[in-house]
Amino acid sequence: MRTHANAKLTRQGRQLLCDRVLIEGWKVADAAAAAGISERTAYRWLARYRTEGPAGLGDRPSVAHRIRHAITPQRITAIMGLRDLLMTGQQIADALRMPASTVAGILTRHGRGRLPLSPPQGPVQRYERRHPGELIHIDVKKLGVIHRPGHRAHGDRRTRSRGAGWEYVHVAIDDATRLAYVEVLTDERATSTTGFLGRAVDWFSHHGIQVTGVMTDNAPGYYSHLHAATCRHLGIRHIRTRPYRPQTNGKVERFIQTLTRGWAYGQIYRTSTERTLALPRWMSWYNHHRPHGGLGRQTPAHRLQQLLLTNAPGNHT
């Protein structure tokens, strides 16, 4: 062990102390005063030297030789077994009638301080439609209203605009081409979701895409009679995802991450209006200039042109 930084004596100093007393005949008080230690400490080193010889002059760990109420290996095995059942530290403590702090310390020392991520519910099933418009993914992202620059601009988290309200970013993305259409609206009620659906269908039609199917989650706006009637009127098949399975609508979920990082949080805005005005430019960059990893580094616009030529009459393979 390394000598303590504040130790009065090194191993050689302890040996000198013992030699002065046992060989040269110094009094213990004089030898202790010369070494700058107390008589009690000098007697302790002398006792070690007489019992163990030079080996007794080394440093020893300060841990106790015996610990009362030490956790037995069997109890540690039980804790690890309950952790394998994905029980929390508090649940394990309650089951074994142990302090929660003791269980937490044992779990941390064994590298089990955090519960593992739950295993995936079945294998990942990836899909991609062959024809543009065959399936449009639709979802909504809620963003806080900006009344004034926040802490990201001035660094002061004490000045918050509480109760400013929310804006709702409605998103539609084509499964085959990843071409996207986005609007910022004031709510996500049935009238708003239905109006957005109609405008999105018109926008995709302007780009040569005939929408025949849409996929949404189970939000009330998409579950309404008005939305269902609009889908029937437009000749669109409406598919809803399974509850608690956002992976089914993963393309729009991933696009929302890209949208918020690049547009909503990509720069500092003074107001929500300024943020909304920046949206068309960012969307144009996304649709026409940004290479998409899921499309082999093609842009959505380039992928659309490619599929329209491939699916044109007489060009089917």
C-alpha atoms as a PDB file:
ATOM      1  CA  MET A   1       0.000   0.000   0.000  1.00  0.00           C
ATOM      2  CA  ARG A   2       1.074   3.584  -0.533  1.00  0.00           C
ATOM      3  CA  THR A   3       2.039   5.601   2.547  1.00  0.00           C
ATOM      4  CA  HIS A   4      -0.631   8.065   3.621  1.00  0.00           C
ATOM      5  CA  ALA A   5       0.115  11.599   2.396  1.00  0.00           C
ATOM      6  CA  ASN A   6      -0.069  13.033   5.943  1.00  0.00           C
ATOM      7  CA  ALA A   7       1.814  10.202   7.703  1.00  0.00           C
ATOM      8  CA  LYS A   8       4.538  11.393  10.112  1.00  0.00           C
ATOM      9  CA  LEU A   9       6.669   8.286   9.517  1.00  0.00           C
ATOM     10  CA  THR A  10       7.590   6.320   6.466  1.00  0.00           C
ATOM     11  CA  ARG A  11       8.557   2.659   6.677  1.00  0.00           C
ATOM     12  CA  GLN A  12      12.233   3.711   7.124  1.00  0.00           C
ATOM     13  CA  GLY A  13      11.266   6.192   9.871  1.00  0.00           C
ATOM     14  CA  ARG A  14       9.407   3.475  11.780  1.00  0.00           C
ATOM     15  CA  GLN A  15      12.447   1.201  11.496  1.00  0.00           C
ATOM     16  CA  LEU A  16      14.676   4.011  12.820  1.00  0.00           C
ATOM     17  CA  LEU A  17      12.289   4.519  15.753  1.00  0.00           C
ATOM     18  CA  CYS A  18      12.473   0.852  16.707  1.00  0.00           C
ATOM     19  CA  ASP A  19      16.254   0.707  16.303  1.00  0.00           C
ATOM     20  CA  ARG A  20      16.733   3.739  18.575  1.00  0.00           C
ATOM     21  CA  VAL A  21      14.632   2.172  21.329  1.00  0.00           C
ATOM     22  CA  LEU A  22      15.571  -1.507  21.033  1.00  0.00           C
ATOM     23  CA  ILE A  23      19.201  -1.254  19.908  1.00  0.00           C
ATOM     24  CA  GLU A  24      20.520   2.166  20.938  1.00  0.00           C
ATOM     25  CA  GLY A  25      18.601   2.212  24.224  1.00  0.00           C
ATOM     26  CA  TRP A  26      16.636   5.448  23.721  1.00  0.00           C
ATOM     27  CA  LYS A  27      13.692   6.127  25.948  1.00  0.00           C
ATOM     28  CA  VAL A  28      10.374   5.745  24.133  1.00  0.00           C
ATOM     29  CA  ALA A  29       9.404   9.344  24.964  1.00  0.00           C
ATOM     30  CA  ASP A  30      12.657  10.687  23.503  1.00  0.00           C
ATOM     31  CA  ALA A  31      12.423   8.555  20.365  1.00  0.00           C
ATOM     32  CA  ALA A  32       8.776   9.616  19.880  1.00  0.00           C
ATOM     33  CA  ALA A  33       9.646  13.310  20.299  1.00  0.00           C
ATOM     34  CA  ALA A  34      12.502  12.977  17.787  1.00  0.00           C
ATOM     35  CA  ALA A  35      10.139  11.360  15.280  1.00  0.00           C
ATOM     36  CA  GLY A  36       7.404  13.963  15.908  1.00  0.00           C
ATOM     37  CA  ILE A  37       4.805  11.422  17.024  1.00  0.00           C
ATOM     38  CA  SER A  38       3.033  10.628  20.289  1.00  0.00           C
ATOM     39  CA  GLU A  39       4.265   8.019  22.778  1.00  0.00           C
ATOM     40  CA  ARG A  40       1.109   6.011  22.130  1.00  0.00           C
ATOM     41  CA  THR A  41       1.917   5.772  18.422  1.00  0.00           C
ATOM     42  CA  ALA A  42       5.533   4.861  19.199  1.00  0.00           C
ATOM     43  CA  TYR A  43       4.442   2.031  21.509  1.00  0.00           C
ATOM     44  CA  ARG A  44       2.092   0.756  18.767  1.00  0.00           C
ATOM     45  CA  TRP A  45       4.923   0.513  16.212  1.00  0.00           C
ATOM     46  CA  LEU A  46       7.215  -1.106  18.771  1.00  0.00           C
ATOM     47  CA  ALA A  47       4.565  -3.714  19.582  1.00  0.00           C
ATOM     48  CA  ARG A  48       4.147  -4.553  15.905  1.00  0.00           C
ATOM     49  CA  TYR A  49       7.897  -4.808  15.422  1.00  0.00           C
ATOM     50  CA  ARG A  50       8.350  -7.120  18.396  1.00  0.00           C
ATOM     51  CA  THR A  51       5.494  -9.375  17.195  1.00  0.00           C
ATOM     52  CA  GLU A  52       5.957  -9.427  13.400  1.00  0.00           C
ATOM     53  CA  GLY A  53       9.433  -8.051  12.786  1.00  0.00           C
ATOM     54  CA  PRO A  54      10.091  -5.668   9.866  1.00  0.00           C
ATOM     55  CA  ALA A  55       6.900  -6.885   8.111  1.00  0.00           C
ATOM     56  CA  GLY A  56       4.817  -5.304  10.841  1.00  0.00           C
ATOM     57  CA  LEU A  57       6.024  -1.796   9.965  1.00  0.00           C
ATOM     58  CA  GLY A  58       4.071  -1.654   6.704  1.00  0.00           C
ATOM     59  CA  ASP A  59       0.730   0.124   6.191  1.00  0.00           C
ATOM     60  CA  ARG A  60      -2.477  -1.836   6.607  1.00  0.00           C
ATOM     61  CA  PRO A  61      -5.969  -1.205   5.228  1.00  0.00           C
ATOM     62  CA  SER A  62      -8.247   0.591   7.635  1.00  0.00           C
ATOM     63  CA  VAL A  63     -11.270  -1.609   6.965  1.00  0.00           C
ATOM     64  CA  ALA A  64     -12.692  -3.546   9.867  1.00  0.00           C
ATOM     65  CA  HIS A  65     -11.696  -7.185  10.250  1.00  0.00           C
ATOM     66  CA  ARG A  66     -15.288  -8.116  10.885  1.00  0.00           C
ATOM     67  CA  ILE A  67     -18.488  -6.288   9.896  1.00  0.00           C
ATOM     68  CA  ARG A  68     -21.588  -6.768  11.960  1.00  0.00           C
ATOM     69  CA  HIS A  69     -24.694  -7.665   9.979  1.00  0.00           C
ATOM     70  CA  ALA A  70     -22.675  -8.155   6.780  1.00  0.00           C
ATOM     71  CA  ILE A  71     -24.703  -9.106   3.704  1.00  0.00           C
ATOM     72  CA  THR A  72     -24.276 -12.820   3.075  1.00  0.00           C
ATOM     73  CA  PRO A  73     -23.465 -14.179  -0.402  1.00  0.00           C
ATOM     74  CA  GLN A  74     -26.828 -15.958  -0.387  1.00  0.00           C
ATOM     75  CA  ARG A  75     -28.641 -12.650   0.153  1.00  0.00           C
ATOM     76  CA  ILE A  76     -26.661 -11.005  -2.673  1.00  0.00           C
ATOM     77  CA  THR A  77     -27.601 -13.910  -4.960  1.00  0.00           C
ATOM     78  CA  ALA A  78     -31.261 -13.385  -4.039  1.00  0.00           C
ATOM     79  CA  ILE A  79     -31.016  -9.677  -4.845  1.00  0.00           C
ATOM     80  CA  MET A  80     -29.453 -10.399  -8.244  1.00  0.00           C
ATOM     81  CA  GLY A  81     -32.122 -13.018  -8.954  1.00  0.00           C
ATOM     82  CA  LEU A  82     -34.928 -10.570  -8.239  1.00  0.00           C
ATOM     83  CA  ARG A  83     -33.166  -7.991 -10.419  1.00  0.00           C
ATOM     84  CA  ASP A  84     -33.236 -10.508 -13.266  1.00  0.00           C
ATOM     85  CA  LEU A  85     -37.028 -10.409 -12.906  1.00  0.00           C
ATOM     86  CA  LEU A  86     -36.837  -6.643 -13.650  1.00  0.00           C
ATOM     87  CA  MET A  87     -37.868  -5.667 -10.123  1.00  0.00           C
ATOM     88  CA  THR A  88     -36.933  -2.178  -8.960  1.00  0.00           C
ATOM     89  CA  GLY A  89     -34.616  -1.582  -6.023  1.00  0.00           C
ATOM     90  CA  GLN A  90     -37.535  -0.584  -3.800  1.00  0.00           C
ATOM     91  CA  GLN A  91     -39.497  -3.715  -4.742  1.00  0.00           C
ATOM     92  CA  ILE A  92     -36.467  -5.902  -3.958  1.00  0.00           C
ATOM     93  CA  ALA A  93     -36.010  -4.156  -0.606  1.00  0.00           C
ATOM     94  CA  ASP A  94     -39.674  -4.695   0.268  1.00  0.00           C
ATOM     95  CA  ALA A  95     -39.540  -8.355  -0.752  1.00  0.00           C
ATOM     96  CA  LEU A  96     -36.389  -9.101   1.281  1.00  0.00           C
ATOM     97  CA  ARG A  97     -37.200  -6.687   4.125  1.00  0.00           C
ATOM     98  CA  MET A  98     -33.967  -4.758   3.635  1.00  0.00           C
ATOM     99  CA  PRO A  99     -33.202  -1.025   3.550  1.00  0.00           C
ATOM    100  CA  ALA A 100     -33.613   0.374   0.046  1.00  0.00           C
ATOM    101  CA  SER A 101     -30.254   2.156   0.344  1.00  0.00           C
ATOM    102  CA  THR A 102     -28.481  -1.164   1.052  1.00  0.00           C
ATOM    103  CA  VAL A 103     -30.102  -2.818  -1.966  1.00  0.00           C
ATOM    104  CA  ALA A 104     -29.217   0.152  -4.159  1.00  0.00           C
ATOM    105  CA  GLY A 105     -25.570  -0.005  -3.061  1.00  0.00           C
ATOM    106  CA  ILE A 106     -25.326  -3.738  -3.804  1.00  0.00           C
ATOM    107  CA  LEU A 107     -26.933  -3.340  -7.219  1.00  0.00           C
ATOM    108  CA  THR A 108     -24.587  -0.481  -8.100  1.00  0.00           C
ATOM    109  CA  ARG A 109     -21.458  -2.390  -7.013  1.00  0.00           C
ATOM    110  CA  HIS A 110     -22.492  -5.298  -9.223  1.00  0.00           C
ATOM    111  CA  GLY A 111     -23.191  -3.078 -12.231  1.00  0.00           C
ATOM    112  CA  ARG A 112     -26.963  -3.525 -11.983  1.00  0.00           C
ATOM    113  CA  GLY A 113     -27.869  -0.064 -10.766  1.00  0.00           C
ATOM    114  CA  ARG A 114     -30.148   0.615 -13.715  1.00  0.00           C
ATOM    115  CA  LEU A 115     -32.889  -1.614 -14.986  1.00  0.00           C
ATOM    116  CA  PRO A 116     -32.101  -2.967 -18.456  1.00  0.00           C
ATOM    117  CA  LEU A 117     -34.159  -1.785 -21.378  1.00  0.00           C
ATOM    118  CA  SER A 118     -37.187  -3.963 -21.968  1.00  0.00           C
ATOM    119  CA  PRO A 119     -36.638  -6.490 -24.768  1.00  0.00           C
ATOM    120  CA  PRO A 120     -38.215  -5.640 -28.133  1.00  0.00           C
ATOM    121  CA  GLN A 121     -41.692  -7.002 -28.656  1.00  0.00           C
ATOM    122  CA  GLY A 122     -40.911  -9.380 -31.474  1.00  0.00           C
ATOM    123  CA  PRO A 123     -38.530  -8.963 -34.413  1.00  0.00           C
ATOM    124  CA  VAL A 124     -38.334  -5.627 -36.215  1.00  0.00           C
ATOM    125  CA  GLN A 125     -40.446  -5.678 -39.348  1.00  0.00           C
ATOM    126  CA  ARG A 126     -39.359  -3.124 -41.924  1.00  0.00           C
ATOM    127  CA  TYR A 127     -41.531  -2.266 -44.894  1.00  0.00           C
ATOM    128  CA  GLU A 128     -41.658   0.236 -47.718  1.00  0.00           C
ATOM    129  CA  ARG A 129     -44.465   0.791 -50.210  1.00  0.00           C
ATOM    130  CA  ARG A 130     -43.616   0.477 -53.893  1.00  0.00           C
ATOM    131  CA  HIS A 131     -45.889   3.222 -55.213  1.00  0.00           C
ATOM    132  CA  PRO A 132     -46.045   6.913 -54.145  1.00  0.00           C
ATOM    133  CA  GLY A 133     -49.271   7.736 -52.360  1.00  0.00           C
ATOM    134  CA  GLU A 134     -49.983   4.138 -51.450  1.00  0.00           C
ATOM    135  CA  LEU A 135     -49.507   5.028 -47.788  1.00  0.00           C
ATOM    136  CA  ILE A 136     -49.125   8.468 -46.175  1.00  0.00           C
ATOM    137  CA  HIS A 137     -48.020   8.587 -42.531  1.00  0.00           C
ATOM    138  CA  ILE A 138     -49.645  11.381 -40.509  1.00  0.00           C
ATOM    139  CA  ASP A 139     -48.909  12.572 -36.972  1.00  0.00           C
ATOM    140  CA  VAL A 140     -48.794  15.700 -34.780  1.00  0.00           C
ATOM    141  CA  LYS A 141     -45.925  17.228 -32.794  1.00  0.00           C
ATOM    142  CA  LYS A 142     -46.723  19.698 -29.994  1.00  0.00           C
ATOM    143  CA  LEU A 143     -44.395  22.714 -29.596  1.00  0.00           C
ATOM    144  CA  GLY A 144     -44.487  25.470 -27.008  1.00  0.00           C
ATOM    145  CA  VAL A 145     -45.488  28.949 -28.113  1.00  0.00           C
ATOM    146  CA  ILE A 146     -42.615  31.468 -28.136  1.00  0.00           C
ATOM    147  CA  HIS A 147     -43.512  34.879 -26.692  1.00  0.00           C
ATOM    148  CA  ARG A 148     -39.904  35.955 -26.141  1.00  0.00           C
ATOM    149  CA  PRO A 149     -36.452  34.367 -26.460  1.00  0.00           C
ATOM    150  CA  GLY A 150     -35.948  31.598 -23.900  1.00  0.00           C
ATOM    151  CA  HIS A 151     -32.979  30.322 -21.953  1.00  0.00           C
ATOM    152  CA  ARG A 152     -31.377  28.910 -25.107  1.00  0.00           C
ATOM    153  CA  ALA A 153     -30.901  32.511 -26.237  1.00  0.00           C
ATOM    154  CA  HIS A 154     -29.932  34.308 -23.022  1.00  0.00           C
ATOM    155  CA  GLY A 155     -28.937  31.424 -20.742  1.00  0.00           C
ATOM    156  CA  ASP A 156     -31.218  32.439 -17.850  1.00  0.00           C
ATOM    157  CA  ARG A 157     -33.609  29.629 -16.910  1.00  0.00           C
ATOM    158  CA  ARG A 158     -35.337  31.798 -14.301  1.00  0.00           C
ATOM    159  CA  THR A 159     -37.225  33.758 -16.962  1.00  0.00           C
ATOM    160  CA  ARG A 160     -39.797  31.361 -18.343  1.00  0.00           C
ATOM    161  CA  SER A 161     -42.966  32.080 -20.264  1.00  0.00           C
ATOM    162  CA  ARG A 162     -45.318  29.901 -18.282  1.00  0.00           C
ATOM    163  CA  GLY A 163     -48.788  29.387 -19.699  1.00  0.00           C
ATOM    164  CA  ALA A 164     -47.783  30.593 -23.166  1.00  0.00           C
ATOM    165  CA  GLY A 165     -49.705  27.752 -24.798  1.00  0.00           C
ATOM    166  CA  TRP A 166     -48.956  25.283 -27.539  1.00  0.00           C
ATOM    167  CA  GLU A 167     -48.718  25.012 -31.289  1.00  0.00           C
ATOM    168  CA  TYR A 168     -49.402  21.784 -33.150  1.00  0.00           C
ATOM    169  CA  VAL A 169     -47.203  20.758 -36.062  1.00  0.00           C
ATOM    170  CA  HIS A 170     -49.203  18.455 -38.346  1.00  0.00           C
ATOM    171  CA  VAL A 171     -46.985  16.198 -40.456  1.00  0.00           C
ATOM    172  CA  ALA A 172     -47.656  13.986 -43.505  1.00  0.00           C
ATOM    173  CA  ILE A 173     -44.908  11.926 -45.145  1.00  0.00           C
ATOM    174  CA  ASP A 174     -45.124   9.549 -48.091  1.00  0.00           C
ATOM    175  CA  ASP A 175     -43.937   6.030 -47.293  1.00  0.00           C
ATOM    176  CA  ALA A 176     -42.330   5.312 -50.676  1.00  0.00           C
ATOM    177  CA  THR A 177     -40.568   8.630 -51.344  1.00  0.00           C
ATOM    178  CA  ARG A 178     -40.343  10.303 -47.873  1.00  0.00           C
ATOM    179  CA  LEU A 179     -41.735  13.471 -49.472  1.00  0.00           C
ATOM    180  CA  ALA A 180     -43.211  15.466 -46.593  1.00  0.00           C
ATOM    181  CA  TYR A 181     -45.873  18.131 -46.082  1.00  0.00           C
ATOM    182  CA  VAL A 182     -46.111  20.100 -42.799  1.00  0.00           C
ATOM    183  CA  GLU A 183     -48.427  22.753 -41.332  1.00  0.00           C
ATOM    184  CA  VAL A 184     -48.434  24.592 -37.985  1.00  0.00           C
ATOM    185  CA  LEU A 185     -51.977  24.778 -36.555  1.00  0.00           C
ATOM    186  CA  THR A 186     -53.514  25.909 -33.275  1.00  0.00           C
ATOM    187  CA  ASP A 187     -54.920  22.529 -32.156  1.00  0.00           C
ATOM    188  CA  GLU A 188     -55.283  18.866 -33.043  1.00  0.00           C
ATOM    189  CA  ARG A 189     -59.056  18.565 -32.979  1.00  0.00           C
ATOM    190  CA  ALA A 190     -61.085  16.747 -35.592  1.00  0.00           C
ATOM    191  CA  THR A 191     -61.700  19.857 -37.682  1.00  0.00           C
ATOM    192  CA  SER A 192     -57.976  20.629 -37.794  1.00  0.00           C
ATOM    193  CA  THR A 193     -56.850  17.066 -38.555  1.00  0.00           C
ATOM    194  CA  THR A 194     -59.510  16.717 -41.246  1.00  0.00           C
ATOM    195  CA  GLY A 195     -58.649  20.042 -42.872  1.00  0.00           C
ATOM    196  CA  PHE A 196     -54.969  19.148 -42.818  1.00  0.00           C
ATOM    197  CA  LEU A 197     -55.720  15.812 -44.472  1.00  0.00           C
ATOM    198  CA  GLY A 198     -57.543  17.514 -47.343  1.00  0.00           C
ATOM    199  CA  ARG A 199     -54.779  20.060 -47.904  1.00  0.00           C
ATOM    200  CA  ALA A 200     -52.103  17.363 -47.694  1.00  0.00           C
ATOM    201  CA  VAL A 201     -53.906  15.276 -50.326  1.00  0.00           C
ATOM    202  CA  ASP A 202     -54.094  18.325 -52.615  1.00  0.00           C
ATOM    203  CA  TRP A 203     -50.381  19.062 -52.076  1.00  0.00           C
ATOM    204  CA  PHE A 204     -49.344  15.513 -52.901  1.00  0.00           C
ATOM    205  CA  SER A 205     -51.645  15.538 -55.944  1.00  0.00           C
ATOM    206  CA  HIS A 206     -49.885  18.703 -57.157  1.00  0.00           C
ATOM    207  CA  HIS A 207     -46.635  16.701 -57.040  1.00  0.00           C
ATOM    208  CA  GLY A 208     -48.095  13.828 -59.038  1.00  0.00           C
ATOM    209  CA  ILE A 209     -48.954  11.596 -56.081  1.00  0.00           C
ATOM    210  CA  GLN A 210     -52.452  10.133 -55.739  1.00  0.00           C
ATOM    211  CA  VAL A 211     -53.070   9.302 -52.085  1.00  0.00           C
ATOM    212  CA  THR A 212     -54.919   6.031 -51.558  1.00  0.00           C
ATOM    213  CA  GLY A 213     -54.097   5.254 -47.919  1.00  0.00           C
ATOM    214  CA  VAL A 214     -53.148   7.034 -44.687  1.00  0.00           C
ATOM    215  CA  MET A 215     -51.806   5.751 -41.370  1.00  0.00           C
ATOM    216  CA  THR A 216     -52.342   7.571 -38.069  1.00  0.00           C
ATOM    217  CA  ASP A 217     -52.287   6.792 -34.381  1.00  0.00           C
ATOM    218  CA  ASN A 218     -55.443   6.562 -32.256  1.00  0.00           C
ATOM    219  CA  ALA A 219     -55.721  10.215 -31.249  1.00  0.00           C
ATOM    220  CA  PRO A 220     -59.317  11.513 -30.942  1.00  0.00           C
ATOM    221  CA  GLY A 221     -58.935  13.741 -33.999  1.00  0.00           C
ATOM    222  CA  TYR A 222     -58.229  10.729 -36.202  1.00  0.00           C
ATOM    223  CA  TYR A 223     -60.878   8.603 -34.508  1.00  0.00           C
ATOM    224  CA  SER A 224     -63.716  11.057 -35.187  1.00  0.00           C
ATOM    225  CA  HIS A 225     -66.677  10.569 -37.500  1.00  0.00           C
ATOM    226  CA  LEU A 226     -65.663  13.701 -39.426  1.00  0.00           C
ATOM    227  CA  HIS A 227     -62.238  12.251 -40.232  1.00  0.00           C
ATOM    228  CA  ALA A 228     -63.768   8.922 -41.250  1.00  0.00           C
ATOM    229  CA  ALA A 229     -66.288  10.660 -43.535  1.00  0.00           C
ATOM    230  CA  THR A 230     -63.517  12.712 -45.159  1.00  0.00           C
ATOM    231  CA  CYS A 231     -61.485   9.568 -45.865  1.00  0.00           C
ATOM    232  CA  ARG A 232     -64.516   7.937 -47.500  1.00  0.00           C
ATOM    233  CA  HIS A 233     -65.161  11.058 -49.569  1.00  0.00           C
ATOM    234  CA  LEU A 234     -61.566  11.153 -50.787  1.00  0.00           C
ATOM    235  CA  GLY A 235     -61.460   7.413 -51.441  1.00  0.00           C
ATOM    236  CA  ILE A 236     -58.673   6.888 -48.904  1.00  0.00           C
ATOM    237  CA  ARG A 237     -58.184   3.819 -46.762  1.00  0.00           C
ATOM    238  CA  HIS A 238     -57.488   4.783 -43.146  1.00  0.00           C
ATOM    239  CA  ILE A 239     -55.163   2.540 -41.110  1.00  0.00           C
ATOM    240  CA  ARG A 240     -54.658   3.096 -37.375  1.00  0.00           C
ATOM    241  CA  THR A 241     -51.622   1.848 -35.495  1.00  0.00           C
ATOM    242  CA  ARG A 242     -51.807  -0.624 -32.652  1.00  0.00           C
ATOM    243  CA  PRO A 243     -52.031   1.035 -29.220  1.00  0.00           C
ATOM    244  CA  TYR A 244     -48.646   1.672 -27.586  1.00  0.00           C
ATOM    245  CA  ARG A 245     -46.805   0.663 -30.759  1.00  0.00           C
ATOM    246  CA  PRO A 246     -45.348   3.895 -32.240  1.00  0.00           C
ATOM    247  CA  GLN A 247     -42.851   1.755 -34.190  1.00  0.00           C
ATOM    248  CA  THR A 248     -45.657   0.936 -36.640  1.00  0.00           C
ATOM    249  CA  ASN A 249     -45.690   4.576 -37.702  1.00  0.00           C
ATOM    250  CA  GLY A 250     -41.918   4.830 -37.410  1.00  0.00           C
ATOM    251  CA  LYS A 251     -41.262   6.801 -40.603  1.00  0.00           C
ATOM    252  CA  VAL A 252     -43.240   9.808 -39.425  1.00  0.00           C
ATOM    253  CA  GLU A 253     -41.822   9.486 -35.902  1.00  0.00           C
ATOM    254  CA  ARG A 254     -38.290   9.592 -37.316  1.00  0.00           C
ATOM    255  CA  PHE A 255     -39.144  12.515 -39.582  1.00  0.00           C
ATOM    256  CA  ILE A 256     -40.497  14.475 -36.607  1.00  0.00           C
ATOM    257  CA  GLN A 257     -37.138  14.010 -34.861  1.00  0.00           C
ATOM    258  CA  THR A 258     -35.344  15.390 -37.923  1.00  0.00           C
ATOM    259  CA  LEU A 259     -37.859  18.224 -38.215  1.00  0.00           C
ATOM    260  CA  THR A 260     -37.607  19.365 -34.618  1.00  0.00           C
ATOM    261  CA  ARG A 261     -33.809  19.162 -34.494  1.00  0.00           C
ATOM    262  CA  GLY A 262     -33.273  20.900 -37.808  1.00  0.00           C
ATOM    263  CA  TRP A 263     -36.099  23.445 -37.841  1.00  0.00           C
ATOM    264  CA  ALA A 264     -37.794  23.885 -34.430  1.00  0.00           C
ATOM    265  CA  TYR A 265     -34.626  23.690 -32.300  1.00  0.00           C
ATOM    266  CA  GLY A 266     -31.989  24.195 -34.967  1.00  0.00           C
ATOM    267  CA  GLN A 267     -31.793  27.942 -34.415  1.00  0.00           C
ATOM    268  CA  ILE A 268     -33.010  30.583 -31.972  1.00  0.00           C
ATOM    269  CA  TYR A 269     -36.328  32.317 -32.729  1.00  0.00           C
ATOM    270  CA  ARG A 270     -37.691  35.439 -31.123  1.00  0.00           C
ATOM    271  CA  THR A 271     -41.360  34.503 -31.650  1.00  0.00           C
ATOM    272  CA  SER A 272     -43.456  31.584 -32.837  1.00  0.00           C
ATOM    273  CA  THR A 273     -44.322  33.552 -35.969  1.00  0.00           C
ATOM    274  CA  GLU A 274     -40.645  33.777 -36.865  1.00  0.00           C
ATOM    275  CA  ARG A 275     -40.324  30.024 -36.351  1.00  0.00           C
ATOM    276  CA  THR A 276     -43.337  29.302 -38.550  1.00  0.00           C
ATOM    277  CA  LEU A 277     -42.047  31.569 -41.330  1.00  0.00           C
ATOM    278  CA  ALA A 278     -38.801  29.580 -41.382  1.00  0.00           C
ATOM    279  CA  LEU A 279     -40.647  26.297 -41.985  1.00  0.00           C
ATOM    280  CA  PRO A 280     -41.228  26.476 -45.805  1.00  0.00           C
ATOM    281  CA  ARG A 281     -37.545  27.076 -46.493  1.00  0.00           C
ATOM    282  CA  TRP A 282     -36.503  24.158 -44.297  1.00  0.00           C
ATOM    283  CA  MET A 283     -39.103  21.887 -45.901  1.00  0.00           C
ATOM    284  CA  SER A 284     -37.866  22.798 -49.373  1.00  0.00           C
ATOM    285  CA  TRP A 285     -34.336  21.879 -48.306  1.00  0.00           C
ATOM    286  CA  TYR A 286     -35.545  18.571 -46.855  1.00  0.00           C
ATOM    287  CA  ASN A 287     -37.602  17.541 -49.873  1.00  0.00           C
ATOM    288  CA  HIS A 288     -35.231  18.677 -52.632  1.00  0.00           C
ATOM    289  CA  HIS A 289     -31.672  18.893 -51.292  1.00  0.00           C
ATOM    290  CA  ARG A 290     -31.159  16.724 -48.208  1.00  0.00           C
ATOM    291  CA  PRO A 291     -29.828  13.202 -48.941  1.00  0.00           C
ATOM    292  CA  HIS A 292     -31.922  10.606 -47.128  1.00  0.00           C
ATOM    293  CA  GLY A 293     -30.193   7.640 -45.519  1.00  0.00           C
ATOM    294  CA  GLY A 294     -33.235   5.397 -46.000  1.00  0.00           C
ATOM    295  CA  LEU A 295     -33.310   6.160 -49.725  1.00  0.00           C
ATOM    296  CA  GLY A 296     -29.712   5.296 -50.535  1.00  0.00           C
ATOM    297  CA  ARG A 297     -28.628   8.947 -50.132  1.00  0.00           C
ATOM    298  CA  GLN A 298     -31.258  10.144 -52.610  1.00  0.00           C
ATOM    299  CA  THR A 299     -33.449  13.161 -51.931  1.00  0.00           C
ATOM    300  CA  PRO A 300     -37.207  12.583 -51.600  1.00  0.00           C
ATOM    301  CA  ALA A 301     -37.814  14.605 -54.793  1.00  0.00           C
ATOM    302  CA  HIS A 302     -35.313  12.506 -56.746  1.00  0.00           C
ATOM    303  CA  ARG A 303     -36.860   9.303 -55.403  1.00  0.00           C
ATOM    304  CA  LEU A 304     -40.294  10.549 -56.464  1.00  0.00           C
ATOM    305  CA  GLN A 305     -39.149  11.197 -60.030  1.00  0.00           C
ATOM    306  CA  GLN A 306     -37.546   7.763 -60.147  1.00  0.00           C
ATOM    307  CA  LEU A 307     -40.671   5.966 -58.948  1.00  0.00           C
ATOM    308  CA  LEU A 308     -43.004   7.957 -61.194  1.00  0.00           C
ATOM    309  CA  LEU A 309     -40.936   6.913 -64.216  1.00  0.00           C
ATOM    310  CA  THR A 310     -40.773   3.303 -63.045  1.00  0.00           C
ATOM    311  CA  ASN A 311     -44.536   3.120 -62.349  1.00  0.00           C
ATOM    312  CA  ALA A 312     -45.548   4.907 -65.558  1.00  0.00           C
ATOM    313  CA  PRO A 313     -47.732   2.858 -67.987  1.00  0.00           C
ATOM    314  CA  GLY A 314     -45.532   0.619 -70.123  1.00  0.00           C
ATOM    315  CA  ASN A 315     -42.545   0.823 -67.767  1.00  0.00           C
ATOM    316  CA  HIS A 316     -43.558  -1.862 -65.265  1.00  0.00           C
ATOM    317  CA  THR A 317     -41.134  -4.736 -64.835  1.00  0.00           C
END
